[in-house]
């Protein structure tokens, strides 16, 4: 089973790629390295003793993403590629809206075209806003997000619903 892993050179993405390989999946990384380092790919390959296919592209580029789907014909997607700094999102909200929401919408549109139905979205606890009680569970009521980052994750979850 081929799985596209967006943000696959990031911290969580790279660990996920290793686990996918160990479980017999064929991960294909999509990462433009704006929040990761290229040497991570070498480390994944060393750990797994396997060459990894990677596309150095921005998930916000619809045509390039569509080309990856056309060439790879993935069975599923794990979407980690998003900005994640709460403080930065307050200072640069448009950057977060464009990347976090725009890239997700691109992926969902392309998935529909290519009939890909397996999808994992990396959300965030920030979708709950400031909770009344801790620990937070999936039954915790969702409140207004306290940052643009949290809001992008709320919108992402709404898109998926």
Foldseek 3Di string as FASTA:
>chain_A
DEEEEEVLQDDVNVVVCLVCVVVPYQYEYEAQQPPHDPCSQVVSCVVNVDHHHYDNDALLPLVVVLVCCVVPVGQEYEYDDADDDQVVCQVPVVNRLCRLQNSLVSVVVSCVVSVRDHYHYDADPQQQADFPDPPDDPPTHGDDGPGSNSVSRVVSVVVVD
